[in-house]
Amino acid sequence: MDIREIFAKNLRLARQAKGLSQEELAHRADIDRTYISSLERCVYSPSIEVLDRLAQALGVDPADLIKRSDDS
């Protein structure tokens, strides 16, 4: 699994764990909802600033969004 796939998986899991829709996460991070969808589908890679905004909106450390899990 490449870094983009790891990020997409971790973003989706973190968002779902918080019970947030893509729209709500987008609102909290001040990012367009379609961009969230594209990130979760590995269409785009986030900038470091977007990574930080998403992590803040999710209440996680930015590193958690790019960390490989045991099954990655």
PDB file of N, CA and C in Angstrom:
ATOM      1  N   MET A   1       0.854  -1.178   0.000  1.00  0.00           N
ATOM      2  CA  MET A   1       0.000   0.000   0.000  1.00  0.00           C
ATOM      3  C   MET A   1       0.899   1.241   0.000  1.00  0.00           C
ATOM      4  N   ASP A   2       0.636   2.163  -0.924  1.00  0.00           N
ATOM      5  CA  ASP A   2       1.457   3.380  -0.966  1.00  0.00           C
ATOM      6  C   ASP A   2       0.909   4.428   0.009  1.00  0.00           C
ATOM      7  N   ILE A   3       1.664   5.488   0.180  1.00  0.00           N
ATOM      8  CA  ILE A   3       1.328   6.506   1.189  1.00  0.00           C
ATOM      9  C   ILE A   3      -0.031   7.149   0.928  1.00  0.00           C
ATOM     10  N   ARG A   4      -0.379   7.335  -0.328  1.00  0.00           N
ATOM     11  CA  ARG A   4      -1.676   7.933  -0.652  1.00  0.00           C
ATOM     12  C   ARG A   4      -2.816   7.013  -0.215  1.00  0.00           C
ATOM     13  N   GLU A   5      -2.656   5.721  -0.446  1.00  0.00           N
ATOM     14  CA  GLU A   5      -3.675   4.750  -0.029  1.00  0.00           C
ATOM     15  C   GLU A   5      -3.771   4.663   1.493  1.00  0.00           C
ATOM     16  N   ILE A   6      -2.628   4.717   2.156  1.00  0.00           N
ATOM     17  CA  ILE A   6      -2.612   4.683   3.625  1.00  0.00           C
ATOM     18  C   ILE A   6      -3.328   5.908   4.174  1.00  0.00           C
ATOM     19  N   PHE A   7      -3.008   7.090   3.622  1.00  0.00           N
ATOM     20  CA  PHE A   7      -3.672   8.309   4.064  1.00  0.00           C
ATOM     21  C   PHE A   7      -5.182   8.215   3.832  1.00  0.00           C
ATOM     22  N   ALA A   8      -5.596   7.777   2.655  1.00  0.00           N
ATOM     23  CA  ALA A   8      -7.022   7.688   2.326  1.00  0.00           C
ATOM     24  C   ALA A   8      -7.751   6.771   3.307  1.00  0.00           C
ATOM     25  N   LYS A   9      -7.159   5.625   3.582  1.00  0.00           N
ATOM     26  CA  LYS A   9      -7.764   4.668   4.512  1.00  0.00           C
ATOM     27  C   LYS A   9      -7.852   5.258   5.922  1.00  0.00           C
ATOM     28  N   ASN A  10      -6.753   5.864   6.389  1.00  0.00           N
ATOM     29  CA  ASN A  10      -6.736   6.437   7.738  1.00  0.00           C
ATOM     30  C   ASN A  10      -7.703   7.617   7.866  1.00  0.00           C
ATOM     31  N   LEU A  11      -7.788   8.429   6.826  1.00  0.00           N
ATOM     32  CA  LEU A  11      -8.719   9.558   6.844  1.00  0.00           C
ATOM     33  C   LEU A  11     -10.154   9.056   6.965  1.00  0.00           C
ATOM     34  N   ARG A  12     -10.511   8.090   6.138  1.00  0.00           N
ATOM     35  CA  ARG A  12     -11.870   7.541   6.165  1.00  0.00           C
ATOM     36  C   ARG A  12     -12.190   6.919   7.533  1.00  0.00           C
ATOM     37  N   LEU A  13     -11.252   6.119   8.047  1.00  0.00           N
ATOM     38  CA  LEU A  13     -11.472   5.468   9.346  1.00  0.00           C
ATOM     39  C   LEU A  13     -11.598   6.487  10.471  1.00  0.00           C
ATOM     40  N   ALA A  14     -10.758   7.514  10.476  1.00  0.00           N
ATOM     41  CA  ALA A  14     -10.813   8.545  11.522  1.00  0.00           C
ATOM     42  C   ALA A  14     -12.118   9.329  11.428  1.00  0.00           C
ATOM     43  N   ARG A  15     -12.520   9.643  10.217  1.00  0.00           N
ATOM     44  CA  ARG A  15     -13.779  10.392  10.024  1.00  0.00           C
ATOM     45  C   ARG A  15     -14.963   9.564  10.504  1.00  0.00           C
ATOM     46  N   GLN A  16     -14.997   8.307  10.128  1.00  0.00           N
ATOM     47  CA  GLN A  16     -16.101   7.441  10.534  1.00  0.00           C
ATOM     48  C   GLN A  16     -16.096   7.191  12.040  1.00  0.00           C
ATOM     49  N   ALA A  17     -14.915   7.062  12.627  1.00  0.00           N
ATOM     50  CA  ALA A  17     -14.813   6.852  14.080  1.00  0.00           C
ATOM     51  C   ALA A  17     -15.380   8.033  14.851  1.00  0.00           C
ATOM     52  N   LYS A  18     -15.268   9.229  14.285  1.00  0.00           N
ATOM     53  CA  LYS A  18     -15.820  10.430  14.923  1.00  0.00           C
ATOM     54  C   LYS A  18     -17.286  10.627  14.572  1.00  0.00           C
ATOM     55  N   GLY A  19     -17.815   9.777  13.708  1.00  0.00           N
ATOM     56  CA  GLY A  19     -19.222   9.891  13.322  1.00  0.00           C
ATOM     57  C   GLY A  19     -19.501  11.088  12.427  1.00  0.00           C
ATOM     58  N   LEU A  20     -18.505  11.494  11.644  1.00  0.00           N
ATOM     59  CA  LEU A  20     -18.654  12.672  10.787  1.00  0.00           C
ATOM     60  C   LEU A  20     -18.918  12.274   9.343  1.00  0.00           C
ATOM     61  N   SER A  21     -19.758  13.035   8.692  1.00  0.00           N
ATOM     62  CA  SER A  21     -19.926  12.889   7.249  1.00  0.00           C
ATOM     63  C   SER A  21     -18.767  13.613   6.567  1.00  0.00           C
ATOM     64  N   GLN A  22     -18.583  13.335   5.292  1.00  0.00           N
ATOM     65  CA  GLN A  22     -17.575  14.078   4.542  1.00  0.00           C
ATOM     66  C   GLN A  22     -17.896  15.563   4.570  1.00  0.00           C
ATOM     67  N   GLU A  23     -19.163  15.888   4.484  1.00  0.00           N
ATOM     68  CA  GLU A  23     -19.584  17.291   4.487  1.00  0.00           C
ATOM     69  C   GLU A  23     -19.245  17.977   5.806  1.00  0.00           C
ATOM     70  N   GLU A  24     -19.495  17.303   6.924  1.00  0.00           N
ATOM     71  CA  GLU A  24     -19.198  17.897   8.232  1.00  0.00           C
ATOM     72  C   GLU A  24     -17.692  18.065   8.421  1.00  0.00           C
ATOM     73  N   LEU A  25     -16.918  17.066   8.027  1.00  0.00           N
ATOM     74  CA  LEU A  25     -15.464  17.185   8.125  1.00  0.00           C
ATOM     75  C   LEU A  25     -14.969  18.334   7.257  1.00  0.00           C
ATOM     76  N   ALA A  26     -15.491  18.430   6.069  1.00  0.00           N
ATOM     77  CA  ALA A  26     -15.102  19.514   5.159  1.00  0.00           C
ATOM     78  C   ALA A  26     -15.390  20.872   5.785  1.00  0.00           C
ATOM     79  N   HIS A  27     -16.555  21.004   6.401  1.00  0.00           N
ATOM     80  CA  HIS A  27     -16.925  22.260   7.055  1.00  0.00           C
ATOM     81  C   HIS A  27     -15.952  22.582   8.192  1.00  0.00           C
ATOM     82  N   ARG A  28     -15.668  21.596   9.032  1.00  0.00           N
ATOM     83  CA  ARG A  28     -14.769  21.815  10.172  1.00  0.00           C
ATOM     84  C   ARG A  28     -13.348  22.162   9.745  1.00  0.00           C
ATOM     85  N   ALA A  29     -12.903  21.587   8.626  1.00  0.00           N
ATOM     86  CA  ALA A  29     -11.532  21.817   8.152  1.00  0.00           C
ATOM     87  C   ALA A  29     -11.455  22.936   7.119  1.00  0.00           C
ATOM     88  N   ASP A  30     -12.605  23.519   6.788  1.00  0.00           N
ATOM     89  CA  ASP A  30     -12.678  24.584   5.781  1.00  0.00           C
ATOM     90  C   ASP A  30     -12.090  24.120   4.444  1.00  0.00           C
ATOM     91  N   ILE A  31     -12.584  22.946   4.012  1.00  0.00           N
ATOM     92  CA  ILE A  31     -12.165  22.311   2.763  1.00  0.00           C
ATOM     93  C   ILE A  31     -13.431  21.911   2.025  1.00  0.00           C
ATOM     94  N   ASP A  32     -13.397  21.926   0.716  1.00  0.00           N
ATOM     95  CA  ASP A  32     -14.560  21.523  -0.073  1.00  0.00           C
ATOM     96  C   ASP A  32     -14.871  20.038   0.120  1.00  0.00           C
ATOM     97  N   ARG A  33     -16.144  19.685   0.219  1.00  0.00           N
ATOM     98  CA  ARG A  33     -16.546  18.299   0.436  1.00  0.00           C
ATOM     99  C   ARG A  33     -16.077  17.384  -0.687  1.00  0.00           C
ATOM    100  N   THR A  34     -16.105  17.872  -1.907  1.00  0.00           N
ATOM    101  CA  THR A  34     -15.677  17.019  -3.016  1.00  0.00           C
ATOM    102  C   THR A  34     -14.177  16.713  -2.925  1.00  0.00           C
ATOM    103  N   TYR A  35     -13.424  17.609  -2.313  1.00  0.00           N
ATOM    104  CA  TYR A  35     -11.995  17.364  -2.124  1.00  0.00           C
ATOM    105  C   TYR A  35     -11.788  16.256  -1.093  1.00  0.00           C
ATOM    106  N   ILE A  36     -12.592  16.249  -0.032  1.00  0.00           N
ATOM    107  CA  ILE A  36     -12.529  15.174   0.966  1.00  0.00           C
ATOM    108  C   ILE A  36     -12.798  13.845   0.277  1.00  0.00           C
ATOM    109  N   SER A  37     -13.832  13.809  -0.535  1.00  0.00           N
ATOM    110  CA  SER A  37     -14.162  12.592  -1.273  1.00  0.00           C
ATOM    111  C   SER A  37     -12.996  12.156  -2.154  1.00  0.00           C
ATOM    112  N   SER A  38     -12.388  13.097  -2.849  1.00  0.00           N
ATOM    113  CA  SER A  38     -11.249  12.781  -3.717  1.00  0.00           C
ATOM    114  C   SER A  38     -10.052  12.266  -2.916  1.00  0.00           C
ATOM    115  N   LEU A  39      -9.825  12.828  -1.745  1.00  0.00           N
ATOM    116  CA  LEU A  39      -8.741  12.344  -0.894  1.00  0.00           C
ATOM    117  C   LEU A  39      -9.003  10.908  -0.454  1.00  0.00           C
ATOM    118  N   GLU A  40     -10.230  10.613  -0.068  1.00  0.00           N
ATOM    119  CA  GLU A  40     -10.574   9.265   0.395  1.00  0.00           C
ATOM    120  C   GLU A  40     -10.550   8.237  -0.743  1.00  0.00           C
ATOM    121  N   ARG A  41     -10.659   8.703  -1.976  1.00  0.00           N
ATOM    122  CA  ARG A  41     -10.614   7.804  -3.133  1.00  0.00           C
ATOM    123  C   ARG A  41      -9.239   7.784  -3.790  1.00  0.00           C
ATOM    124  N   CYS A  42      -8.251   8.394  -3.170  1.00  0.00           N
ATOM    125  CA  CYS A  42      -6.865   8.429  -3.660  1.00  0.00           C
ATOM    126  C   CYS A  42      -6.716   9.177  -4.979  1.00  0.00           C
ATOM    127  N   VAL A  43      -7.611  10.109  -5.260  1.00  0.00           N
ATOM    128  CA  VAL A  43      -7.493  10.902  -6.475  1.00  0.00           C
ATOM    129  C   VAL A  43      -6.413  11.962  -6.295  1.00  0.00           C
ATOM    130  N   TYR A  44      -6.346  12.562  -5.112  1.00  0.00           N
ATOM    131  CA  TYR A  44      -5.372  13.597  -4.800  1.00  0.00           C
ATOM    132  C   TYR A  44      -4.594  13.237  -3.544  1.00  0.00           C
ATOM    133  N   SER A  45      -3.451  13.868  -3.398  1.00  0.00           N
ATOM    134  CA  SER A  45      -2.679  13.810  -2.155  1.00  0.00           C
ATOM    135  C   SER A  45      -2.794  15.178  -1.496  1.00  0.00           C
ATOM    136  N   PRO A  46      -2.922  15.227  -0.176  1.00  0.00           N
ATOM    137  CA  PRO A  46      -3.078  16.522   0.483  1.00  0.00           C
ATOM    138  C   PRO A  46      -1.750  17.251   0.633  1.00  0.00           C
ATOM    139  N   SER A  47      -1.829  18.567   0.681  1.00  0.00           N
ATOM    140  CA  SER A  47      -0.647  19.344   1.056  1.00  0.00           C
ATOM    141  C   SER A  47      -0.443  19.159   2.559  1.00  0.00           C
ATOM    142  N   ILE A  48       0.697  19.559   3.043  1.00  0.00           N
ATOM    143  CA  ILE A  48       0.982  19.460   4.470  1.00  0.00           C
ATOM    144  C   ILE A  48       0.013  20.323   5.279  1.00  0.00           C
ATOM    145  N   GLU A  49      -0.399  21.459   4.715  1.00  0.00           N
ATOM    146  CA  GLU A  49      -1.350  22.336   5.394  1.00  0.00           C
ATOM    147  C   GLU A  49      -2.727  21.676   5.497  1.00  0.00           C
ATOM    148  N   VAL A  50      -3.154  21.039   4.422  1.00  0.00           N
ATOM    149  CA  VAL A  50      -4.449  20.347   4.434  1.00  0.00           C
ATOM    150  C   VAL A  50      -4.395  19.165   5.397  1.00  0.00           C
ATOM    151  N   LEU A  51      -3.299  18.439   5.405  1.00  0.00           N
ATOM    152  CA  LEU A  51      -3.121  17.336   6.346  1.00  0.00           C
ATOM    153  C   LEU A  51      -3.299  17.836   7.778  1.00  0.00           C
ATOM    154  N   ASP A  52      -2.682  18.963   8.085  1.00  0.00           N
ATOM    155  CA  ASP A  52      -2.779  19.534   9.429  1.00  0.00           C
ATOM    156  C   ASP A  52      -4.209  19.972   9.750  1.00  0.00           C
ATOM    157  N   ARG A  53      -4.887  20.625   8.816  1.00  0.00           N
ATOM    158  CA  ARG A  53      -6.272  21.073   9.049  1.00  0.00           C
ATOM    159  C   ARG A  53      -7.208  19.888   9.259  1.00  0.00           C
ATOM    160  N   LEU A  54      -7.014  18.829   8.484  1.00  0.00           N
ATOM    161  CA  LEU A  54      -7.849  17.643   8.654  1.00  0.00           C
ATOM    162  C   LEU A  54      -7.594  16.996  10.015  1.00  0.00           C
ATOM    163  N   ALA A  55      -6.331  16.887  10.390  1.00  0.00           N
ATOM    164  CA  ALA A  55      -5.997  16.301  11.685  1.00  0.00           C
ATOM    165  C   ALA A  55      -6.608  17.113  12.826  1.00  0.00           C
ATOM    166  N   GLN A  56      -6.517  18.432  12.758  1.00  0.00           N
ATOM    167  CA  GLN A  56      -7.115  19.283  13.793  1.00  0.00           C
ATOM    168  C   GLN A  56      -8.625  19.088  13.851  1.00  0.00           C
ATOM    169  N   ALA A  57      -9.263  19.035  12.698  1.00  0.00           N
ATOM    170  CA  ALA A  57     -10.718  18.867  12.652  1.00  0.00           C
ATOM    171  C   ALA A  57     -11.142  17.511  13.210  1.00  0.00           C
ATOM    172  N   LEU A  58     -10.276  16.515  13.069  1.00  0.00           N
ATOM    173  CA  LEU A  58     -10.577  15.167  13.563  1.00  0.00           C
ATOM    174  C   LEU A  58     -10.086  14.945  14.996  1.00  0.00           C
ATOM    175  N   GLY A  59      -9.293  15.878  15.509  1.00  0.00           N
ATOM    176  CA  GLY A  59      -8.753  15.737  16.860  1.00  0.00           C
ATOM    177  C   GLY A  59      -7.710  14.639  16.965  1.00  0.00           C
ATOM    178  N   VAL A  60      -6.916  14.471  15.899  1.00  0.00           N
ATOM    179  CA  VAL A  60      -5.852  13.467  15.901  1.00  0.00           C
ATOM    180  C   VAL A  60      -4.533  14.142  15.549  1.00  0.00           C
ATOM    181  N   ASP A  61      -3.454  13.449  15.775  1.00  0.00           N
ATOM    182  CA  ASP A  61      -2.139  13.931  15.386  1.00  0.00           C
ATOM    183  C   ASP A  61      -1.992  13.751  13.873  1.00  0.00           C
ATOM    184  N   PRO A  62      -1.410  14.710  13.178  1.00  0.00           N
ATOM    185  CA  PRO A  62      -1.238  14.554  11.726  1.00  0.00           C
ATOM    186  C   PRO A  62      -0.537  13.248  11.343  1.00  0.00           C
ATOM    187  N   ALA A  63       0.406  12.821  12.160  1.00  0.00           N
ATOM    188  CA  ALA A  63       1.130  11.573  11.873  1.00  0.00           C
ATOM    189  C   ALA A  63       0.195  10.371  11.854  1.00  0.00           C
ATOM    190  N   ASP A  64      -0.893  10.443  12.635  1.00  0.00           N
ATOM    191  CA  ASP A  64      -1.852   9.328  12.662  1.00  0.00           C
ATOM    192  C   ASP A  64      -2.507   9.116  11.304  1.00  0.00           C
ATOM    193  N   LEU A  65      -2.597  10.167  10.516  1.00  0.00           N
ATOM    194  CA  LEU A  65      -3.252  10.045   9.210  1.00  0.00           C
ATOM    195  C   LEU A  65      -2.347   9.444   8.145  1.00  0.00           C
ATOM    196  N   ILE A  66      -1.057   9.379   8.426  1.00  0.00           N
ATOM    197  CA  ILE A  66      -0.151   8.773   7.435  1.00  0.00           C
ATOM    198  C   ILE A  66       0.594   7.556   7.987  1.00  0.00           C
ATOM    199  N   LYS A  67       0.201   7.142   9.182  1.00  0.00           N
ATOM    200  CA  LYS A  67       0.868   6.002   9.835  1.00  0.00           C
ATOM    201  C   LYS A  67       0.370   4.685   9.237  1.00  0.00           C
ATOM    202  N   ARG A  68       1.319   3.808   8.943  1.00  0.00           N
ATOM    203  CA  ARG A  68       0.963   2.456   8.476  1.00  0.00           C
ATOM    204  C   ARG A  68       0.425   1.657   9.644  1.00  0.00           C
ATOM    205  N   SER A  69      -0.642   0.923   9.390  1.00  0.00           N
ATOM    206  CA  SER A  69      -1.147   0.009  10.420  1.00  0.00           C
ATOM    207  C   SER A  69      -0.484  -1.353  10.216  1.00  0.00           C
ATOM    208  N   ASP A  70      -0.723  -2.259  11.125  1.00  0.00           N
ATOM    209  CA  ASP A  70      -0.112  -3.589  11.029  1.00  0.00           C
ATOM    210  C   ASP A  70      -0.541  -4.329   9.766  1.00  0.00           C
ATOM    211  N   ASP A  71      -1.738  -4.023   9.256  1.00  0.00           N
ATOM    212  CA  ASP A  71      -2.209  -4.733   8.057  1.00  0.00           C
ATOM    213  C   ASP A  71      -1.959  -3.951   6.774  1.00  0.00           C
ATOM    214  N   SER A  72      -1.215  -2.849   6.846  1.00  0.00           N
ATOM    215  CA  SER A  72      -0.915  -2.048   5.656  1.00  0.00           C
ATOM    216  C   SER A  72       0.362  -2.507   5.006  1.00  0.00           C
TER     217      SER A  72
END
